[in-house]
C-alpha atoms as a PDB file:
ATOM      1  CA  MET A   1     115.415-144.041 -11.790  1.00  0.00           C
ATOM      2  CA  THR A   2     116.632-143.072  -8.322  1.00  0.00           C
ATOM      3  CA  LEU A   3     119.698-144.426  -6.574  1.00  0.00           C
ATOM      4  CA  ALA A   4     117.592-146.791  -4.437  1.00  0.00           C
ATOM      5  CA  GLU A   5     115.746-148.084  -7.505  1.00  0.00           C
ATOM      6  CA  LEU A   6     119.002-148.693  -9.360  1.00  0.00           C
ATOM      7  CA  MET A   7     120.401-150.635  -6.397  1.00  0.00           C
ATOM      8  CA  ALA A   8     117.235-152.725  -6.257  1.00  0.00           C
ATOM      9  CA  GLN A   9     117.498-153.531  -9.968  1.00  0.00           C
ATOM     10  CA  GLY A  10     121.166-154.433  -9.541  1.00  0.00           C
ATOM     11  CA  CYS A  11     120.277-156.751  -6.672  1.00  0.00           C
ATOM     12  CA  GLN A  12     117.695-158.513  -8.855  1.00  0.00           C
ATOM     13  CA  MET A  13     120.258-158.911 -11.646  1.00  0.00           C
ATOM     14  CA  LEU A  14     122.768-160.526  -9.300  1.00  0.00           C
ATOM     15  CA  GLN A  15     120.176-162.775  -7.684  1.00  0.00           C
ATOM     16  CA  SER A  16     118.848-164.049 -10.998  1.00  0.00           C
ATOM     17  CA  SER A  17     122.399-164.814 -12.139  1.00  0.00           C
ATOM     18  CA  ALA A  18     123.347-166.616  -8.893  1.00  0.00           C
ATOM     19  CA  VAL A  19     126.765-164.996  -8.559  1.00  0.00           C
ATOM     20  CA  ALA A  20     128.914-166.187  -5.664  1.00  0.00           C
ATOM     21  CA  LEU A  21     129.442-163.907  -2.682  1.00  0.00           C
ATOM     22  CA  GLY A  22     131.878-163.950   0.204  1.00  0.00           C
ATOM     23  CA  GLN A  23     134.729-161.826  -1.185  1.00  0.00           C
ATOM     24  CA  GLY A  24     133.624-158.713   0.695  1.00  0.00           C
ATOM     25  CA  THR A  25     129.842-158.954   1.091  1.00  0.00           C
ATOM     26  CA  LEU A  26     127.371-161.576   2.239  1.00  0.00           C
ATOM     27  CA  GLU A  27     124.152-160.278   0.651  1.00  0.00           C
ATOM     28  CA  MET A  28     123.197-159.473  -2.939  1.00  0.00           C
ATOM     29  CA  ALA A  29     121.837-156.084  -1.876  1.00  0.00           C
ATOM     30  CA  ASP A  30     125.211-155.112  -0.398  1.00  0.00           C
ATOM     31  CA  GLU A  31     127.047-156.398  -3.480  1.00  0.00           C
ATOM     32  CA  ALA A  32     124.847-154.312  -5.775  1.00  0.00           C
ATOM     33  CA  ALA A  33     125.174-151.267  -3.521  1.00  0.00           C
ATOM     34  CA  TRP A  34     128.971-151.576  -3.501  1.00  0.00           C
ATOM     35  CA  LEU A  35     129.220-151.649  -7.298  1.00  0.00           C
ATOM     36  CA  VAL A  36     126.685-148.884  -7.890  1.00  0.00           C
ATOM     37  CA  LEU A  37     128.112-146.500  -5.292  1.00  0.00           C
ATOM     38  CA  TRP A  38     131.668-147.138  -6.456  1.00  0.00           C
ATOM     39  CA  ARG A  39     130.774-146.491 -10.079  1.00  0.00           C
ATOM     40  CA  LEU A  40     128.998-143.243  -9.147  1.00  0.00           C
ATOM     41  CA  GLY A  41     131.906-142.107  -6.992  1.00  0.00           C
ATOM     42  CA  LEU A  42     129.783-141.969  -3.837  1.00  0.00           C
ATOM     43  CA  PRO A  43     130.932-143.018  -0.333  1.00  0.00           C
ATOM     44  CA  LEU A  44     130.157-146.651   0.354  1.00  0.00           C
ATOM     45  CA  ASP A  45     128.127-145.744   3.443  1.00  0.00           C
ATOM     46  CA  THR A  46     125.794-143.513   1.410  1.00  0.00           C
ATOM     47  CA  ASP A  47     122.110-143.800   2.358  1.00  0.00           C
ATOM     48  CA  PRO A  48     120.261-144.308  -0.962  1.00  0.00           C
ATOM     49  CA  GLN A  49     117.037-142.956   0.536  1.00  0.00           C
ATOM     50  CA  MET A  50     118.702-139.544   0.855  1.00  0.00           C
ATOM     51  CA  HIS A  51     119.278-139.377  -2.921  1.00  0.00           C
ATOM     52  CA  ILE A  52     115.792-138.815  -4.332  1.00  0.00           C
ATOM     53  CA  ASP A  53     116.779-137.017  -7.537  1.00  0.00           C
ATOM     54  CA  PRO A  54     116.707-139.181 -10.687  1.00  0.00           C
ATOM     55  CA  LEU A  55     120.028-140.382 -12.038  1.00  0.00           C
ATOM     56  CA  SER A  56     121.080-139.522 -15.558  1.00  0.00           C
ATOM     57  CA  VAL A  57     120.819-142.049 -18.374  1.00  0.00           C
ATOM     58  CA  GLU A  58     124.610-142.149 -18.565  1.00  0.00           C
ATOM     59  CA  GLN A  59     124.952-142.895 -14.847  1.00  0.00           C
ATOM     60  CA  ILE A  60     122.377-145.673 -14.992  1.00  0.00           C
ATOM     61  CA  GLN A  61     123.917-147.297 -18.053  1.00  0.00           C
ATOM     62  CA  SER A  62     127.417-147.121 -16.582  1.00  0.00           C
ATOM     63  CA  CYS A  63     126.271-148.900 -13.414  1.00  0.00           C
ATOM     64  CA  LEU A  64     124.306-151.533 -15.325  1.00  0.00           C
ATOM     65  CA  THR A  65     127.356-152.225 -17.494  1.00  0.00           C
ATOM     66  CA  LEU A  66     129.492-152.801 -14.395  1.00  0.00           C
ATOM     67  CA  LEU A  67     126.865-155.094 -12.857  1.00  0.00           C
ATOM     68  CA  GLN A  68     126.680-157.088 -16.079  1.00  0.00           C
ATOM     69  CA  GLN A  69     130.467-157.362 -16.105  1.00  0.00           C
ATOM     70  CA  ARG A  70     130.294-158.803 -12.588  1.00  0.00           C
ATOM     71  CA  ILE A  71     127.787-161.383 -13.855  1.00  0.00           C
ATOM     72  CA  ASP A  72     129.482-162.277 -17.135  1.00  0.00           C
ATOM     73  CA  GLN A  73     133.076-162.479 -15.922  1.00  0.00           C
ATOM     74  CA  ARG A  74     132.308-163.914 -12.473  1.00  0.00           C
ATOM     75  CA  LEU A  75     135.068-161.763 -11.013  1.00  0.00           C
ATOM     76  CA  PRO A  76     134.877-160.670  -7.362  1.00  0.00           C
ATOM     77  CA  SER A  77     133.739-157.067  -7.077  1.00  0.00           C
ATOM     78  CA  ALA A  78     137.058-156.228  -5.423  1.00  0.00           C
ATOM     79  CA  TYR A  79     138.841-157.035  -8.696  1.00  0.00           C
ATOM     80  CA  LEU A  80     136.433-154.843 -10.646  1.00  0.00           C
ATOM     81  CA  THR A  81     136.709-151.883  -8.284  1.00  0.00           C
ATOM     82  CA  ARG A  82     140.375-152.487  -7.426  1.00  0.00           C
ATOM     83  CA  GLU A  83     139.367-151.992  -3.801  1.00  0.00           C
ATOM     84  CA  ALA A  84     138.882-154.190  -0.741  1.00  0.00           C
ATOM     85  CA  TRP A  85     138.245-153.425   2.916  1.00  0.00           C
ATOM     86  CA  LEU A  86     139.357-154.891   6.221  1.00  0.00           C
ATOM     87  CA  GLN A  87     138.049-153.353   9.454  1.00  0.00           C
ATOM     88  CA  GLY A  88     137.143-150.121   7.688  1.00  0.00           C
ATOM     89  CA  VAL A  89     140.585-149.682   6.074  1.00  0.00           C
ATOM     90  CA  ASP A  90     140.726-149.626   2.277  1.00  0.00           C
ATOM     91  CA  PHE A  91     143.272-151.619   0.273  1.00  0.00           C
ATOM     92  CA  TYR A  92     144.193-151.802  -3.375  1.00  0.00           C
ATOM     93  CA  VAL A  93     143.759-155.269  -4.862  1.00  0.00           C
ATOM     94  CA  ASP A  94     143.961-156.868  -8.295  1.00  0.00           C
ATOM     95  CA  GLU A  95     144.326-160.368  -9.755  1.00  0.00           C
ATOM     96  CA  ARG A  96     147.957-160.614  -8.638  1.00  0.00           C
ATOM     97  CA  SER A  97     146.841-161.258  -5.062  1.00  0.00           C
ATOM     98  CA  ILE A  98     143.929-162.884  -3.258  1.00  0.00           C
ATOM     99  CA  VAL A  99     141.101-160.637  -2.063  1.00  0.00           C
ATOM    100  CA  PRO A 100     141.980-160.048   1.609  1.00  0.00           C
ATOM    101  CA  ARG A 101     139.746-161.403   4.372  1.00  0.00           C
ATOM    102  CA  SER A 102     141.091-162.539   7.700  1.00  0.00           C
ATOM    103  CA  LEU A 103     140.011-163.137  11.259  1.00  0.00           C
ATOM    104  CA  ILE A 104     143.487-161.925  12.227  1.00  0.00           C
ATOM    105  CA  ALA A 105     142.355-158.448  11.163  1.00  0.00           C
ATOM    106  CA  GLU A 106     139.655-158.623  13.822  1.00  0.00           C
ATOM    107  CA  VAL A 107     142.182-159.719  16.450  1.00  0.00           C
ATOM    108  CA  LEU A 108     144.304-156.683  15.601  1.00  0.00           C
ATOM    109  CA  ALA A 109     141.263-154.422  15.535  1.00  0.00           C
ATOM    110  CA  LEU A 110     139.937-155.568  18.895  1.00  0.00           C
ATOM    111  CA  GLN A 111     143.450-155.512  20.367  1.00  0.00           C
ATOM    112  CA  SER A 112     142.653-158.884  21.948  1.00  0.00           C
ATOM    113  CA  ILE A 113     146.073-160.201  20.984  1.00  0.00           C
ATOM    114  CA  ASP A 114     147.634-157.591  23.284  1.00  0.00           C
ATOM    115  CA  LEU A 115     146.878-159.842  26.275  1.00  0.00           C
ATOM    116  CA  PHE A 116     149.623-162.183  25.057  1.00  0.00           C
ATOM    117  CA  LEU A 117     152.154-159.468  24.198  1.00  0.00           C
ATOM    118  CA  SER A 118     154.243-157.878  26.897  1.00  0.00           C
ATOM    119  CA  PRO A 119     155.728-155.520  26.101  1.00  0.00           C
ATOM    120  CA  ALA A 120     154.239-154.301  22.813  1.00  0.00           C
ATOM    121  CA  PRO A 121     155.981-155.837  19.769  1.00  0.00           C
ATOM    122  CA  HIS A 122     158.735-153.877  18.074  1.00  0.00           C
ATOM    123  CA  SER A 123     159.413-156.361  15.264  1.00  0.00           C
ATOM    124  CA  ILE A 124     156.547-158.062  13.393  1.00  0.00           C
ATOM    125  CA  LEU A 125     156.570-160.536  10.513  1.00  0.00           C
ATOM    126  CA  ASP A 126     153.514-160.997   8.274  1.00  0.00           C
ATOM    127  CA  LEU A 127     154.199-164.327   6.581  1.00  0.00           C
ATOM    128  CA  CYS A 128     152.275-164.954   3.317  1.00  0.00           C
ATOM    129  CA  THR A 129     151.422-161.265   3.276  1.00  0.00           C
ATOM    130  CA  GLY A 130     149.573-161.270  -0.070  1.00  0.00           C
ATOM    131  CA  ASN A 131     148.399-157.728  -0.762  1.00  0.00           C
ATOM    132  CA  GLY A 132     149.973-156.585   2.510  1.00  0.00           C
ATOM    133  CA  SER A 133     146.750-155.792   4.341  1.00  0.00           C
ATOM    134  CA  LEU A 134     147.676-157.483   7.631  1.00  0.00           C
ATOM    135  CA  ALA A 135     151.115-155.897   7.578  1.00  0.00           C
ATOM    136  CA  VAL A 136     149.505-152.478   7.129  1.00  0.00           C
ATOM    137  CA  LEU A 137     146.962-153.100   9.902  1.00  0.00           C
ATOM    138  CA  ALA A 138     149.737-154.277  12.216  1.00  0.00           C
ATOM    139  CA  ALA A 139     151.704-151.104  11.475  1.00  0.00           C
ATOM    140  CA  MET A 140     148.634-149.045  12.349  1.00  0.00           C
ATOM    141  CA  ALA A 141     147.926-151.011  15.524  1.00  0.00           C
ATOM    142  CA  TYR A 142     151.558-150.824  16.722  1.00  0.00           C
ATOM    143  CA  PRO A 143     152.929-147.457  15.589  1.00  0.00           C
ATOM    144  CA  ASP A 144     156.361-148.057  17.138  1.00  0.00           C
ATOM    145  CA  ALA A 145     156.927-151.423  15.453  1.00  0.00           C
ATOM    146  CA  LEU A 146     158.868-152.267  12.310  1.00  0.00           C
ATOM    147  CA  ILE A 147     157.044-154.679  10.009  1.00  0.00           C
ATOM    148  CA  GLU A 148     158.283-157.234   7.498  1.00  0.00           C
ATOM    149  CA  GLY A 149     155.854-158.638   4.922  1.00  0.00           C
ATOM    150  CA  SER A 150     157.037-161.739   3.066  1.00  0.00           C
ATOM    151  CA  ASP A 151     155.494-163.801   0.279  1.00  0.00           C
ATOM    152  CA  ILE A 152     156.473-166.405  -2.292  1.00  0.00           C
ATOM    153  CA  SER A 153     154.787-164.319  -5.026  1.00  0.00           C
ATOM    154  CA  THR A 154     156.627-161.281  -6.348  1.00  0.00           C
ATOM    155  CA  ASP A 155     153.387-160.227  -8.049  1.00  0.00           C
ATOM    156  CA  ALA A 156     151.591-160.156  -4.697  1.00  0.00           C
ATOM    157  CA  LEU A 157     154.452-158.162  -3.187  1.00  0.00           C
ATOM    158  CA  ALA A 158     154.057-155.560  -5.935  1.00  0.00           C
ATOM    159  CA  VAL A 159     150.452-155.105  -4.783  1.00  0.00           C
ATOM    160  CA  ALA A 160     151.585-154.988  -1.146  1.00  0.00           C
ATOM    161  CA  ARG A 161     153.995-152.151  -1.936  1.00  0.00           C
ATOM    162  CA  ILE A 162     151.102-150.165  -3.403  1.00  0.00           C
ATOM    163  CA  ASN A 163     149.211-150.544  -0.137  1.00  0.00           C
ATOM    164  CA  GLY A 164     152.216-149.604   1.947  1.00  0.00           C
ATOM    165  CA  GLU A 165     152.536-146.393  -0.057  1.00  0.00           C
ATOM    166  CA  ARG A 166     148.769-145.852  -0.038  1.00  0.00           C
ATOM    167  CA  HIS A 167     148.782-145.570   3.754  1.00  0.00           C
ATOM    168  CA  GLY A 168     152.116-143.791   4.116  1.00  0.00           C
ATOM    169  CA  LEU A 169     153.832-146.743   5.770  1.00  0.00           C
ATOM    170  CA  SER A 170     156.581-147.612   3.295  1.00  0.00           C
ATOM    171  CA  HIS A 171     159.240-146.406   5.730  1.00  0.00           C
ATOM    172  CA  ARG A 172     158.110-148.918   8.363  1.00  0.00           C
ATOM    173  CA  ILE A 173     157.289-151.982   6.260  1.00  0.00           C
ATOM    174  CA  GLU A 174     159.896-154.022   4.386  1.00  0.00           C
ATOM    175  CA  TRP A 175     158.573-156.344   1.684  1.00  0.00           C
ATOM    176  CA  ARG A 176     160.596-159.497   1.099  1.00  0.00           C
ATOM    177  CA  ALA A 177     160.284-162.373  -1.416  1.00  0.00           C
ATOM    178  CA  VAL A 178     160.815-165.764   0.251  1.00  0.00           C
ATOM    179  CA  ALA A 179     160.680-169.394  -0.893  1.00  0.00           C
ATOM    180  CA  GLY A 180     157.510-170.716   0.744  1.00  0.00           C
ATOM    181  CA  LEU A 181     158.120-171.345   4.450  1.00  0.00           C
ATOM    182  CA  ALA A 182     161.856-170.688   4.349  1.00  0.00           C
ATOM    183  CA  PRO A 183     163.391-169.786   7.729  1.00  0.00           C
ATOM    184  CA  PRO A 184     162.963-166.067   8.551  1.00  0.00           C
ATOM    185  CA  LEU A 185     165.979-163.831   8.313  1.00  0.00           C
ATOM    186  CA  GLY A 186     165.571-162.226  11.712  1.00  0.00           C
ATOM    187  CA  GLN A 187     163.909-162.481  15.099  1.00  0.00           C
ATOM    188  CA  TYR A 188     160.384-161.203  15.663  1.00  0.00           C
ATOM    189  CA  ASP A 189     158.209-160.360  18.638  1.00  0.00           C
ATOM    190  CA  LEU A 190     155.075-161.303  16.685  1.00  0.00           C
ATOM    191  CA  ILE A 191     154.509-163.440  13.587  1.00  0.00           C
ATOM    192  CA  LEU A 192     151.214-163.211  11.689  1.00  0.00           C
ATOM    193  CA  CYS A 193     150.281-165.741   9.008  1.00  0.00           C
ATOM    194  CA  ASN A 194     147.079-166.142   7.013  1.00  0.00           C
ATOM    195  CA  PRO A 195     148.085-168.549   4.214  1.00  0.00           C
ATOM    196  CA  PRO A 196     145.759-170.037   1.570  1.00  0.00           C
ATOM    197  CA  TYR A 197     143.604-172.633   3.313  1.00  0.00           C
ATOM    198  CA  VAL A 198     141.790-174.522   0.554  1.00  0.00           C
ATOM    199  CA  ASN A 199     142.175-178.308   0.517  1.00  0.00           C
ATOM    200  CA  GLU A 200     143.527-180.492  -2.292  1.00  0.00           C
ATOM    201  CA  HIS A 201     140.094-181.285  -3.744  1.00  0.00           C
ATOM    202  CA  SER A 202     139.197-177.607  -3.943  1.00  0.00           C
ATOM    203  CA  MET A 203     142.563-176.856  -5.520  1.00  0.00           C
ATOM    204  CA  GLN A 204     141.727-179.238  -8.371  1.00  0.00           C
ATOM    205  CA  GLN A 205     138.437-177.430  -8.982  1.00  0.00           C
ATOM    206  CA  LEU A 206     140.092-174.045  -9.494  1.00  0.00           C
ATOM    207  CA  PRO A 207     140.570-172.670 -13.028  1.00  0.00           C
ATOM    208  CA  HIS A 208     143.965-173.595 -14.449  1.00  0.00           C
ATOM    209  CA  GLY A 209     145.548-170.152 -13.983  1.00  0.00           C
ATOM    210  CA  TRP A 210     144.674-170.002 -10.298  1.00  0.00           C
ATOM    211  CA  ARG A 211     145.615-173.656  -9.713  1.00  0.00           C
ATOM    212  CA  SER A 212     149.127-173.186 -11.034  1.00  0.00           C
ATOM    213  CA  ARG A 213     149.520-169.910  -9.113  1.00  0.00           C
ATOM    214  CA  TRP A 214     148.704-171.548  -5.776  1.00  0.00           C
ATOM    215  CA  HIS A 215     150.367-174.911  -6.280  1.00  0.00           C
ATOM    216  CA  GLY A 216     153.878-173.967  -5.126  1.00  0.00           C
ATOM    217  CA  LEU A 217     152.756-172.406  -1.864  1.00  0.00           C
ATOM    218  CA  TYR A 218     150.181-175.111  -1.206  1.00  0.00           C
ATOM    219  CA  SER A 219     152.816-177.821  -1.608  1.00  0.00           C
ATOM    220  CA  ALA A 220     155.080-176.085   0.899  1.00  0.00           C
ATOM    221  CA  LEU A 221     152.260-175.727   3.433  1.00  0.00           C
ATOM    222  CA  ALA A 222     151.159-179.349   3.006  1.00  0.00           C
ATOM    223  CA  ARG A 223     154.510-180.538   4.346  1.00  0.00           C
ATOM    224  CA  TRP A 224     153.893-178.681   7.597  1.00  0.00           C
ATOM    225  CA  CYS A 225     150.212-179.337   8.283  1.00  0.00           C
ATOM    226  CA  PRO A 226     147.530-181.635   6.790  1.00  0.00           C
ATOM    227  CA  PRO A 227     144.751-180.017   4.733  1.00  0.00           C
ATOM    228  CA  THR A 228     141.526-179.260   6.564  1.00  0.00           C
ATOM    229  CA  PRO A 229     137.970-179.036   5.204  1.00  0.00           C
ATOM    230  CA  GLU A 230     137.388-175.773   3.423  1.00  0.00           C
ATOM    231  CA  PRO A 231     135.258-173.355   5.498  1.00  0.00           C
ATOM    232  CA  PRO A 232     132.112-171.761   4.075  1.00  0.00           C
ATOM    233  CA  TRP A 233     132.634-168.799   1.804  1.00  0.00           C
ATOM    234  CA  GLY A 234     130.943-166.583   4.357  1.00  0.00           C
ATOM    235  CA  VAL A 235     133.630-167.034   7.006  1.00  0.00           C
ATOM    236  CA  GLY A 236     135.628-163.848   7.440  1.00  0.00           C
ATOM    237  CA  ALA A 237     133.636-161.953   4.818  1.00  0.00           C
ATOM    238  CA  GLY A 238     131.478-158.854   5.125  1.00  0.00           C
ATOM    239  CA  ASN A 239     134.449-156.531   5.517  1.00  0.00           C
ATOM    240  CA  TRP A 240     133.314-153.538   3.510  1.00  0.00           C
ATOM    241  CA  PRO A 241     132.404-150.295   5.308  1.00  0.00           C
ATOM    242  CA  ARG A 242     128.585-150.630   5.406  1.00  0.00           C
ATOM    243  CA  ALA A 243     128.827-154.144   6.857  1.00  0.00           C
ATOM    244  CA  ARG A 244     131.873-153.648   9.078  1.00  0.00           C
ATOM    245  CA  PRO A 245     132.401-150.188  10.569  1.00  0.00           C
ATOM    246  CA  PHE A 246     135.507-149.469  12.612  1.00  0.00           C
ATOM    247  CA  ARG A 247     135.556-151.396  15.851  1.00  0.00           C
ATOM    248  CA  ARG A 248     136.114-149.216  18.903  1.00  0.00           C
ATOM    249  CA  GLY A 249     139.440-150.831  19.696  1.00  0.00           C
ATOM    250  CA  PHE A 250     140.802-150.311  16.203  1.00  0.00           C
ATOM    251  CA  SER A 251     139.492-146.757  16.097  1.00  0.00           C
ATOM    252  CA  MET A 252     141.670-146.060  19.125  1.00  0.00           C
ATOM    253  CA  ALA A 253     144.654-147.833  17.576  1.00  0.00           C
ATOM    254  CA  PHE A 254     144.207-145.984  14.294  1.00  0.00           C
ATOM    255  CA  ALA A 255     143.872-142.662  16.115  1.00  0.00           C
ATOM    256  CA  HIS A 256     147.100-143.439  18.001  1.00  0.00           C
ATOM    257  CA  TRP A 257     148.860-144.226  14.722  1.00  0.00           C
ATOM    258  CA  ALA A 258     147.531-141.033  13.076  1.00  0.00           C
ATOM    259  CA  GLU A 259     148.693-138.900  16.009  1.00  0.00           C
ATOM    260  CA  HIS A 260     152.096-140.601  15.882  1.00  0.00           C
ATOM    261  CA  GLN A 261     152.332-139.764  12.160  1.00  0.00           C
ATOM    262  CA  ARG A 262     151.495-136.105  12.798  1.00  0.00           C
ATOM    263  CA  ARG A 263     154.244-135.865  15.420  1.00  0.00           C
END
């Protein structure tokens, strides 16, 4: 079995099991490709047609086992691979935080928010930071800014610290535990916030462990704004490298950040 054939079989397995998508990919073929390439240790933008040599029995079985785990446990692939992507940047993720997906990441990547910022921000707060992905992207987009990432969950902040260290930004990002929407401790040029947005009905449909984990934050948010209908799962998804390469604007911002780090 070649790499392309294994991906095709994985796609059929996922389709026949009707797993839910939206936590990184929008198509079964991409979901299967992500799991297979990750298990084989290949880059996620690998062209399967370029790998014509047959895979070993051990490689095939290892990939099939992972695909079956995705089906049986109904866990997002990001939790199985411990990896998620936003605008081409990789982040560590596990069950202590929600799989990151955010339209705010696109705003940062396209630098479209810069039209409203003059001068460039020097102090940025990422409220409800979760795994810290937006805080990290903001630090990359604005290399002279200091970032604060706050969250009600100390477990989520532990994941965020991993991502700060992963991208060498721990010296510029401060992680802070806060009580819901408590008043901030300082003044900020820019505040980012991508809180949980599911409505009360959807909250009641979640498994018990997730429902209790979200209840405190949801209650705090409900006092400030009424719940809105839950958007489709596809909104904001498709953020892994094959589906979402670097945007030109973010490539420039990332290059600026990398050059700043070298200096």
